Amino acid sequence: MKKYWQTILIAVIVVGTIGSYYFLQVAMASNNDVSFKIETISGNKDEIKNLTLQTTYQSGVNHRWLYISKDGSTILNKSSLIGSLKGTNKPIIQKFVDQHRHFMRGKESNLSQYFEDKERLIYTAFQNNGQKEIGDNFLPLQIDILYKKTNDNSFFEIDTPVQSSIDWIKINDVYVAHGKIKILATNYLYNGGEELHIYTVDENKKELEKDAIIAKLTSEEIVNAIRVFNANDTIQNQEYYLYMVEKFGKHKENGEREITSSQIYLYNNVTNEREEWIIPDELKPYRKSMVIHGTNIFIPVYSANGLKLSRYSIEKKQWEEPVMINYERTARDNEIPFLQITDSKLYLVNRMTDGYTLFINELRTGESLYEGKIVNDKKENQNPDYSLNIEQINSNQ
């Protein structure tokens, strides 16, 4: 009988906890509700027809996940309780779920694990979310391929050899061409080291063809970092990978660590070749803001007058004329505008004294396509010191 009472007690605690969470969220939402939308200042309104800003809203102790569009905003933690606990799908993932519900069952929502073209949708994942069991010398790599015309799928699993020092593996991108599936992944070591790998899988033979290490930091470098600059929400092939390997030393007077070495590399997925890329000294302070888009690398430099976007052509191996975009200075000097490059357009969100402004410009020329404001429909619930952190801009033009 005691066993049953323990079960009942646990059930009551679980239900009570979930119930408290639910009612707390409802109470917070009703007392501190916020609603934003995008209002046009100038330009083509079609630019924001299907535009959604994925943001986080912060006001005091209140925190909200918001999707903002021209029609208003959705507070994600006002959705169903189960939805709040599980999170909300990104628009592209939601499209996959709507179109291929059976195939998407049980799959992760990280776009970096997917590849899509007109004929296929490919999903890649290391078993157990990439976490290797202690003592194991392999980690299963799972690949599932959906053929859109027939709605059939082909699933296979490969025992990928891993070193005993590997803790877990994170997939950064998937590249597919000529019967090969290449997976860019970061291997994190138990002792704090990192390795950047490219796993090449033969799609027909269903076997691992090659495991190439293109960057490595050993455990001796206690503070280090391998940073990949490619967008992690791209589901089509990226011809080049841009990444940086940095090692740090002691703290300086300003609290930051001294950089003992910093190398930037370009990896060509077509030729499987890697080369070091050197940037001019005057742009080195801005290297952490680099963006790679297609065969161009962009380095943004912000000033009181706006944005200077330096542009390097990988194919021509030369710097092109920079793109200049004028806008007013941000309300806070230490706050850098949000910048995203998608579909040959530049999206920039800048904080002004009276809120946030959205700019959309043509990437090649810098021509203004759209300017709008992110306005709050319920200013009575707004703390003047609120902040919006733009996580990502989704556009389904």
Protein backbone atom coordinates (compact mmCIF):
# COMPACT_ATOMS: atom_id res chain seq x y z
CA MET A 1 0.00 0.00 0.00
CA LYS A 2 2.91 2.28 0.83
CA LYS A 3 4.17 1.90 -2.74
CA TYR A 4 0.85 3.16 -4.16
CA TRP A 5 0.78 6.15 -1.79
CA GLN A 6 4.27 7.11 -2.99
CA THR A 7 3.06 6.95 -6.59
CA ILE A 8 0.00 9.06 -5.78
CA LEU A 9 2.12 11.62 -3.92
CA ILE A 10 4.54 11.95 -6.84
CA ALA A 11 1.63 12.38 -9.26
CA VAL A 12 0.09 15.12 -7.08
CA ILE A 13 3.42 16.98 -6.90
CA VAL A 14 3.92 16.77 -10.68
CA VAL A 15 0.37 17.95 -11.46
CA GLY A 16 0.67 20.73 -8.87
CA THR A 17 3.99 21.92 -10.28
CA ILE A 18 2.74 21.96 -13.86
CA GLY A 19 -0.49 23.65 -12.78
CA SER A 20 1.41 26.33 -10.87
CA TYR A 21 3.63 26.92 -13.90
CA TYR A 22 0.60 27.30 -16.17
CA PHE A 23 -1.30 29.71 -13.96
CA LEU A 24 1.85 31.74 -13.29
CA GLN A 25 2.38 32.15 -17.02
CA VAL A 26 -1.25 33.18 -17.54
CA ALA A 27 -1.07 35.68 -14.69
CA MET A 28 2.17 37.16 -15.95
CA ALA A 29 0.81 37.41 -19.49
CA SER A 30 -2.38 39.19 -18.41
CA ASN A 31 -0.59 41.71 -16.21
CA ASN A 32 2.39 42.38 -18.46
CA ASP A 33 1.03 41.74 -21.93
CA VAL A 34 2.94 43.27 -24.82
CA SER A 35 2.11 43.48 -28.48
CA PHE A 36 4.40 44.66 -31.25
CA LYS A 37 4.04 45.04 -35.00
CA ILE A 38 6.01 46.43 -37.94
CA GLU A 39 4.77 49.74 -39.35
CA THR A 40 5.99 51.06 -42.69
CA ILE A 41 7.89 54.34 -42.93
CA SER A 42 8.94 54.07 -46.57
CA GLY A 43 9.67 51.57 -49.31
CA ASN A 44 7.98 48.50 -50.75
CA LYS A 45 5.53 46.92 -48.28
CA ASP A 46 5.87 43.59 -50.07
CA GLU A 47 9.30 43.27 -48.44
CA ILE A 48 7.60 42.54 -45.11
CA LYS A 49 4.61 40.64 -46.47
CA ASN A 50 5.91 37.32 -45.13
CA LEU A 51 8.56 38.68 -42.77
CA THR A 52 8.79 37.49 -39.16
CA LEU A 53 11.20 38.69 -36.50
CA GLN A 54 12.13 36.07 -33.93
CA THR A 55 12.90 38.06 -30.78
CA THR A 56 13.17 38.05 -27.01
CA TYR A 57 11.51 40.85 -25.04
CA GLN A 58 13.02 41.86 -21.69
CA SER A 59 11.45 44.27 -19.21
CA GLY A 60 12.66 44.05 -15.64
CA VAL A 61 12.15 40.45 -14.52
CA ASN A 62 9.68 39.75 -17.32
CA HIS A 63 10.94 37.79 -20.30
CA ARG A 64 9.01 36.93 -23.47
CA TRP A 65 9.76 35.05 -26.67
CA LEU A 66 8.05 36.99 -29.47
CA TYR A 67 7.42 36.50 -33.17
CA ILE A 68 6.78 39.96 -34.67
CA SER A 69 5.29 40.68 -38.11
CA LYS A 70 3.29 43.41 -39.84
CA ASP A 71 0.12 41.88 -38.40
CA GLY A 72 1.24 41.84 -34.78
CA SER A 73 3.15 39.59 -32.45
CA THR A 74 2.79 36.15 -30.90
CA ILE A 75 3.92 35.61 -27.32
CA LEU A 76 5.28 32.10 -27.40
CA ASN A 77 4.86 31.38 -23.72
CA LYS A 78 1.16 32.20 -24.01
CA SER A 79 0.71 29.13 -26.18
CA SER A 80 -0.36 25.79 -24.81
CA LEU A 81 1.45 24.44 -21.76
CA ILE A 82 2.99 21.58 -23.72
CA GLY A 83 4.05 24.05 -26.41
CA SER A 84 5.71 26.25 -23.81
CA LEU A 85 7.67 23.34 -22.40
CA LYS A 86 8.75 22.00 -25.79
CA GLY A 87 9.37 25.31 -27.54
CA THR A 88 8.07 26.53 -30.87
CA ASN A 89 9.19 25.34 -34.29
CA LYS A 90 11.00 27.67 -36.65
CA PRO A 91 8.93 28.55 -39.74
CA ILE A 92 10.97 26.31 -42.08
CA ILE A 93 10.76 23.38 -39.67
CA GLN A 94 7.04 23.99 -39.30
CA LYS A 95 6.73 23.87 -43.09
CA PHE A 96 8.53 20.52 -43.10
CA VAL A 97 6.17 19.24 -40.39
CA ASP A 98 3.09 20.41 -42.32
CA GLN A 99 4.27 18.89 -45.61
CA HIS A 100 6.01 15.74 -44.36
CA ARG A 101 4.50 15.00 -40.97
CA HIS A 102 5.34 11.29 -40.95
CA PHE A 103 8.96 11.86 -42.00
CA MET A 104 9.50 14.64 -39.43
CA ARG A 105 8.24 12.61 -36.49
CA GLY A 106 10.86 12.51 -33.72
CA LYS A 107 13.38 14.74 -35.52
CA GLU A 108 15.27 17.71 -34.09
CA SER A 109 14.41 21.29 -35.10
CA ASN A 110 18.01 22.40 -35.78
CA LEU A 111 18.15 23.51 -39.41
CA SER A 112 21.89 22.84 -39.51
CA GLN A 113 21.06 19.12 -39.56
CA TYR A 114 18.98 19.34 -42.78
CA PHE A 115 19.57 19.59 -46.51
CA GLU A 116 16.81 20.21 -49.06
CA ASP A 117 16.57 20.45 -52.83
CA LYS A 118 13.69 19.96 -55.27
CA GLU A 119 13.83 16.18 -55.06
CA ARG A 120 14.89 15.32 -51.52
CA LEU A 121 14.88 16.31 -47.88
CA ILE A 122 17.83 14.89 -45.93
CA TYR A 123 18.13 14.74 -42.14
CA THR A 124 21.33 13.93 -40.27
CA ALA A 125 21.86 13.30 -36.57
CA PHE A 126 24.31 11.71 -34.22
CA GLN A 127 22.58 9.35 -31.82
CA ASN A 128 21.81 10.55 -28.29
CA ASN A 129 21.99 14.21 -29.39
CA GLY A 130 25.66 13.72 -30.19
CA GLN A 131 26.55 12.73 -26.63
CA LYS A 132 29.06 9.88 -26.56
CA GLU A 133 28.94 7.32 -23.78
CA ILE A 134 32.11 7.07 -21.71
CA GLY A 135 34.24 4.18 -22.94
CA ASP A 136 32.61 3.93 -26.37
CA ASN A 137 34.84 4.22 -29.43
CA PHE A 138 32.04 4.94 -31.91
CA LEU A 139 28.93 7.11 -32.17
CA PRO A 140 26.09 6.13 -34.54
CA LEU A 141 25.40 8.66 -37.30
CA GLN A 142 21.80 8.50 -38.54
CA ILE A 143 20.79 9.64 -42.02
CA ASP A 144 17.20 9.74 -43.25
CA ILE A 145 16.41 10.70 -46.87
CA LEU A 146 12.90 11.61 -48.03
CA TYR A 147 12.17 11.35 -51.76
CA LYS A 148 9.50 13.98 -52.36
CA LYS A 149 7.96 12.56 -55.55
CA THR A 150 7.19 9.14 -54.05
CA ASN A 151 7.10 10.14 -50.37
CA ASP A 152 9.36 7.15 -49.68
CA ASN A 153 12.31 7.41 -47.37
CA SER A 154 15.66 5.67 -46.98
CA PHE A 155 17.11 5.42 -43.47
CA PHE A 156 20.53 4.10 -42.58
CA GLU A 157 22.91 4.28 -39.64
CA ILE A 158 26.71 4.36 -39.60
CA ASP A 159 28.91 3.55 -36.61
CA THR A 160 31.24 6.54 -36.75
CA PRO A 161 34.62 5.93 -35.06
CA VAL A 162 35.41 8.55 -32.42
CA GLN A 163 38.33 9.06 -30.08
CA SER A 164 37.94 8.24 -26.40
CA SER A 165 38.60 11.92 -25.65
CA ILE A 166 35.42 13.06 -27.46
CA ASP A 167 32.56 14.20 -25.21
CA TRP A 168 29.89 15.22 -27.74
CA ILE A 169 29.45 16.26 -31.37
CA LYS A 170 27.47 19.19 -32.77
CA ILE A 171 26.41 19.34 -36.45
CA ASN A 172 26.99 22.75 -38.07
CA ASP A 173 26.00 22.14 -41.71
CA VAL A 174 25.17 19.52 -44.34
CA TYR A 175 26.53 19.64 -47.91
CA VAL A 176 25.27 17.18 -50.56
CA ALA A 177 26.71 16.62 -54.05
CA HIS A 178 27.63 13.77 -56.42
CA GLY A 179 26.39 11.00 -54.15
CA LYS A 180 28.31 12.30 -51.14
CA ILE A 181 26.83 13.69 -47.92
CA LYS A 182 29.32 15.91 -46.09
CA ILE A 183 28.66 16.89 -42.49
CA LEU A 184 30.50 19.79 -40.86
CA ALA A 185 30.62 19.10 -37.12
CA THR A 186 32.38 20.38 -34.02
CA ASN A 187 33.77 17.72 -31.69
CA TYR A 188 34.04 18.82 -28.07
CA LEU A 189 36.62 17.01 -25.93
CA TYR A 190 36.34 16.03 -22.29
CA ASN A 191 39.40 18.10 -21.43
CA GLY A 192 38.15 21.29 -23.07
CA GLY A 193 39.70 20.93 -26.52
CA GLU A 194 37.81 21.27 -29.81
CA GLU A 195 38.05 19.75 -33.28
CA LEU A 196 36.28 20.75 -36.48
CA HIS A 197 35.51 17.69 -38.63
CA ILE A 198 34.04 17.03 -42.06
CA TYR A 199 32.45 13.59 -42.22
CA THR A 200 31.97 12.37 -45.81
CA VAL A 201 29.33 9.67 -46.30
CA ASP A 202 28.92 7.66 -49.50
CA GLU A 203 25.17 7.75 -50.05
CA ASN A 204 25.05 4.68 -52.30
CA LYS A 205 27.34 2.47 -50.22
CA LYS A 206 25.85 3.84 -46.99
CA GLU A 207 29.22 4.03 -45.32
CA LEU A 208 31.63 6.60 -43.92
CA GLU A 209 34.15 7.42 -46.65
CA LYS A 210 36.31 9.94 -44.81
CA ASP A 211 36.69 11.77 -41.51
CA ALA A 212 38.79 14.91 -42.07
CA ILE A 213 39.90 17.20 -39.24
CA ILE A 214 40.17 20.75 -40.61
CA ALA A 215 40.86 22.51 -37.29
CA LYS A 216 42.08 21.36 -33.89
CA LEU A 217 42.71 22.90 -30.48
CA THR A 218 44.33 20.67 -27.88
CA SER A 219 43.67 20.54 -24.17
CA GLU A 220 46.85 22.50 -23.49
CA GLU A 221 45.09 25.66 -24.67
CA ILE A 222 42.82 26.09 -21.65
CA VAL A 223 40.90 28.98 -23.20
CA ASN A 224 40.33 28.59 -26.93
CA ALA A 225 37.65 28.69 -29.56
CA ILE A 226 36.83 27.42 -33.04
CA ARG A 227 34.15 29.64 -34.53
CA VAL A 228 32.18 28.87 -37.70
CA PHE A 229 30.76 31.97 -39.42
CA ASN A 230 28.39 30.24 -41.84
CA ALA A 231 24.69 30.70 -41.12
CA ASN A 232 23.28 27.72 -39.24
CA ASP A 233 19.81 28.10 -40.74
CA THR A 234 20.79 27.35 -44.35
CA ILE A 235 19.38 24.13 -45.82
CA GLN A 236 21.00 24.45 -49.26
CA ASN A 237 24.63 23.83 -50.16
CA GLN A 238 27.24 26.33 -49.00
CA GLU A 239 30.27 26.20 -51.29
CA TYR A 240 32.63 27.67 -48.71
CA TYR A 241 33.01 27.35 -44.96
CA LEU A 242 34.55 30.29 -43.10
CA TYR A 243 35.93 29.62 -39.63
CA MET A 244 38.35 31.08 -37.12
CA VAL A 245 40.71 29.38 -34.67
CA GLU A 246 41.71 31.54 -31.70
CA LYS A 247 43.86 30.92 -28.63
CA PHE A 248 43.79 33.17 -25.60
CA GLY A 249 46.28 34.01 -22.86
CA LYS A 250 46.08 35.97 -19.63
CA HIS A 251 43.53 38.64 -18.75
CA LYS A 252 44.37 42.21 -19.72
CA GLU A 253 43.65 45.28 -17.58
CA ASN A 254 40.22 45.73 -19.18
CA GLY A 255 39.23 42.20 -18.19
CA GLU A 256 39.45 40.71 -21.67
CA ARG A 257 41.85 37.88 -22.42
CA GLU A 258 44.89 38.51 -24.59
CA ILE A 259 44.67 36.81 -28.00
CA THR A 260 47.86 34.81 -28.49
CA SER A 261 46.99 33.62 -32.01
CA SER A 262 44.13 33.99 -34.46
CA GLN A 263 43.84 32.29 -37.85
CA ILE A 264 40.95 32.48 -40.29
CA TYR A 265 40.39 29.71 -42.84
CA LEU A 266 38.29 29.08 -45.92
CA TYR A 267 37.30 25.51 -46.80
CA ASN A 268 36.15 24.81 -50.37
CA ASN A 269 33.50 22.08 -50.48
CA VAL A 270 33.98 21.55 -54.22
CA THR A 271 37.75 21.00 -54.16
CA ASN A 272 38.01 19.83 -50.52
CA GLU A 273 40.85 22.30 -50.04
CA ARG A 274 41.56 24.61 -47.11
CA GLU A 275 43.47 27.89 -47.17
CA GLU A 276 44.27 30.54 -44.61
CA TRP A 277 42.57 33.87 -45.27
CA ILE A 278 44.30 37.09 -44.20
CA ILE A 279 42.29 40.25 -43.58
CA PRO A 280 43.68 43.82 -43.52
CA ASP A 281 44.92 45.08 -40.15
CA GLU A 282 42.30 47.82 -40.02
CA LEU A 283 39.50 45.24 -40.21
CA LYS A 284 40.93 42.76 -37.69
CA PRO A 285 39.13 44.37 -34.71
CA TYR A 286 35.82 43.57 -36.45
CA ARG A 287 36.60 39.99 -37.48
CA LYS A 288 34.14 38.46 -35.01
CA SER A 289 31.28 40.15 -36.90
CA MET A 290 32.18 38.57 -40.26
CA VAL A 291 29.36 37.21 -42.43
CA ILE A 292 29.79 34.82 -45.36
CA HIS A 293 27.11 34.83 -48.04
CA GLY A 294 27.60 32.77 -51.18
CA THR A 295 31.07 33.58 -52.53
CA ASN A 296 31.44 36.85 -50.62
CA ILE A 297 32.62 37.73 -47.13
CA PHE A 298 31.23 40.85 -45.46
CA ILE A 299 32.70 42.68 -42.47
CA PRO A 300 30.42 45.34 -40.92
CA VAL A 301 31.92 48.46 -39.34
CA TYR A 302 29.46 50.67 -37.45
CA SER A 303 29.89 54.39 -36.85
CA ALA A 304 27.86 57.43 -35.82
CA ASN A 305 26.84 57.91 -39.46
CA GLY A 306 25.74 54.37 -40.22
CA LEU A 307 27.23 51.16 -41.57
CA LYS A 308 30.21 50.51 -43.81
CA LEU A 309 30.03 46.95 -45.13
CA SER A 310 33.41 45.83 -46.46
CA ARG A 311 33.09 43.09 -49.08
CA TYR A 312 35.59 40.45 -50.20
CA SER A 313 35.08 38.29 -53.30
CA ILE A 314 36.36 34.76 -52.67
CA GLU A 315 36.39 33.83 -56.35
CA LYS A 316 38.16 37.03 -57.46
CA LYS A 317 40.40 37.02 -54.36
CA GLN A 318 39.99 40.76 -53.98
CA TRP A 319 38.16 43.40 -51.94
CA GLU A 320 35.25 45.05 -53.73
CA GLU A 321 33.77 48.51 -53.25
CA PRO A 322 32.19 48.65 -49.75
CA VAL A 323 28.46 49.13 -49.27
CA MET A 324 27.46 52.26 -47.34
CA ILE A 325 24.18 52.44 -45.43
CA ASN A 326 23.24 55.61 -43.56
CA TYR A 327 21.12 55.64 -40.42
CA GLU A 328 20.97 57.52 -37.12
CA ARG A 329 23.23 56.61 -34.23
CA THR A 330 21.89 53.94 -31.86
CA ALA A 331 20.27 55.03 -28.61
CA ARG A 332 22.98 53.23 -26.64
CA ASP A 333 26.59 53.63 -27.73
CA ASN A 334 27.55 50.09 -26.71
CA GLU A 335 24.61 48.47 -28.49
CA ILE A 336 25.40 47.06 -31.94
CA PRO A 337 22.53 46.81 -34.46
CA PHE A 338 21.31 43.37 -35.49
CA LEU A 339 22.46 42.42 -38.99
CA GLN A 340 21.47 39.49 -41.18
CA ILE A 341 22.13 38.73 -44.85
CA THR A 342 19.54 36.56 -46.59
CA ASP A 343 18.68 36.11 -50.28
CA SER A 344 21.03 38.93 -51.38
CA LYS A 345 19.35 41.39 -49.03
CA LEU A 346 20.66 43.03 -45.90
CA TYR A 347 18.35 43.20 -42.89
CA LEU A 348 19.31 45.59 -40.10
CA VAL A 349 17.45 46.40 -36.87
CA ASN A 350 18.70 49.47 -35.02
CA ARG A 351 17.62 50.75 -31.60
CA MET A 352 16.58 54.40 -31.65
CA THR A 353 15.54 56.74 -28.83
CA ASP A 354 11.86 56.02 -29.54
CA GLY A 355 12.07 52.30 -30.33
CA TYR A 356 13.50 50.04 -33.02
CA THR A 357 13.83 50.64 -36.76
CA LEU A 358 14.00 47.94 -39.45
CA PHE A 359 16.02 48.56 -42.61
CA ILE A 360 16.04 46.31 -45.69
CA ASN A 361 18.65 47.06 -48.35
CA GLU A 362 19.81 45.51 -51.59
CA LEU A 363 23.09 43.84 -50.73
CA ARG A 364 25.08 44.57 -53.89
CA THR A 365 24.34 48.29 -54.18
CA GLY A 366 23.12 49.22 -50.70
CA GLU A 367 19.90 50.62 -52.22
CA SER A 368 17.12 51.05 -49.67
CA LEU A 369 14.20 48.69 -50.26
CA TYR A 370 12.24 49.25 -47.07
CA GLU A 371 12.27 51.13 -43.77
CA GLY A 372 9.86 50.52 -40.92
CA LYS A 373 9.40 50.83 -37.17
CA ILE A 374 8.71 48.13 -34.60
CA VAL A 375 5.94 49.69 -32.53
CA ASN A 376 4.21 48.58 -29.34
CA ASP A 377 0.41 48.41 -29.53
CA LYS A 378 0.07 48.36 -25.74
CA LYS A 379 2.31 51.15 -24.51
CA GLU A 380 0.50 51.24 -21.17
CA ASN A 381 2.17 47.91 -20.33
CA GLN A 382 5.58 48.94 -21.60
CA ASN A 383 8.54 49.70 -19.38
CA PRO A 384 10.49 52.59 -20.98
CA ASP A 385 13.68 50.63 -20.39
CA TYR A 386 12.53 47.49 -22.22
CA SER A 387 14.74 45.77 -24.77
CA LEU A 388 14.17 43.60 -27.84
CA ASN A 389 16.87 41.14 -28.77
CA ILE A 390 16.52 40.08 -32.41
CA GLU A 391 17.46 36.41 -32.70
CA GLN A 392 16.67 35.85 -36.37
CA ILE A 393 14.65 37.23 -39.27
CA ASN A 394 12.59 34.75 -41.28
CA SER A 395 11.48 35.71 -44.77
CA ASN A 396 9.43 33.47 -47.07
CA GLN A 397 9.29 35.73 -50.10
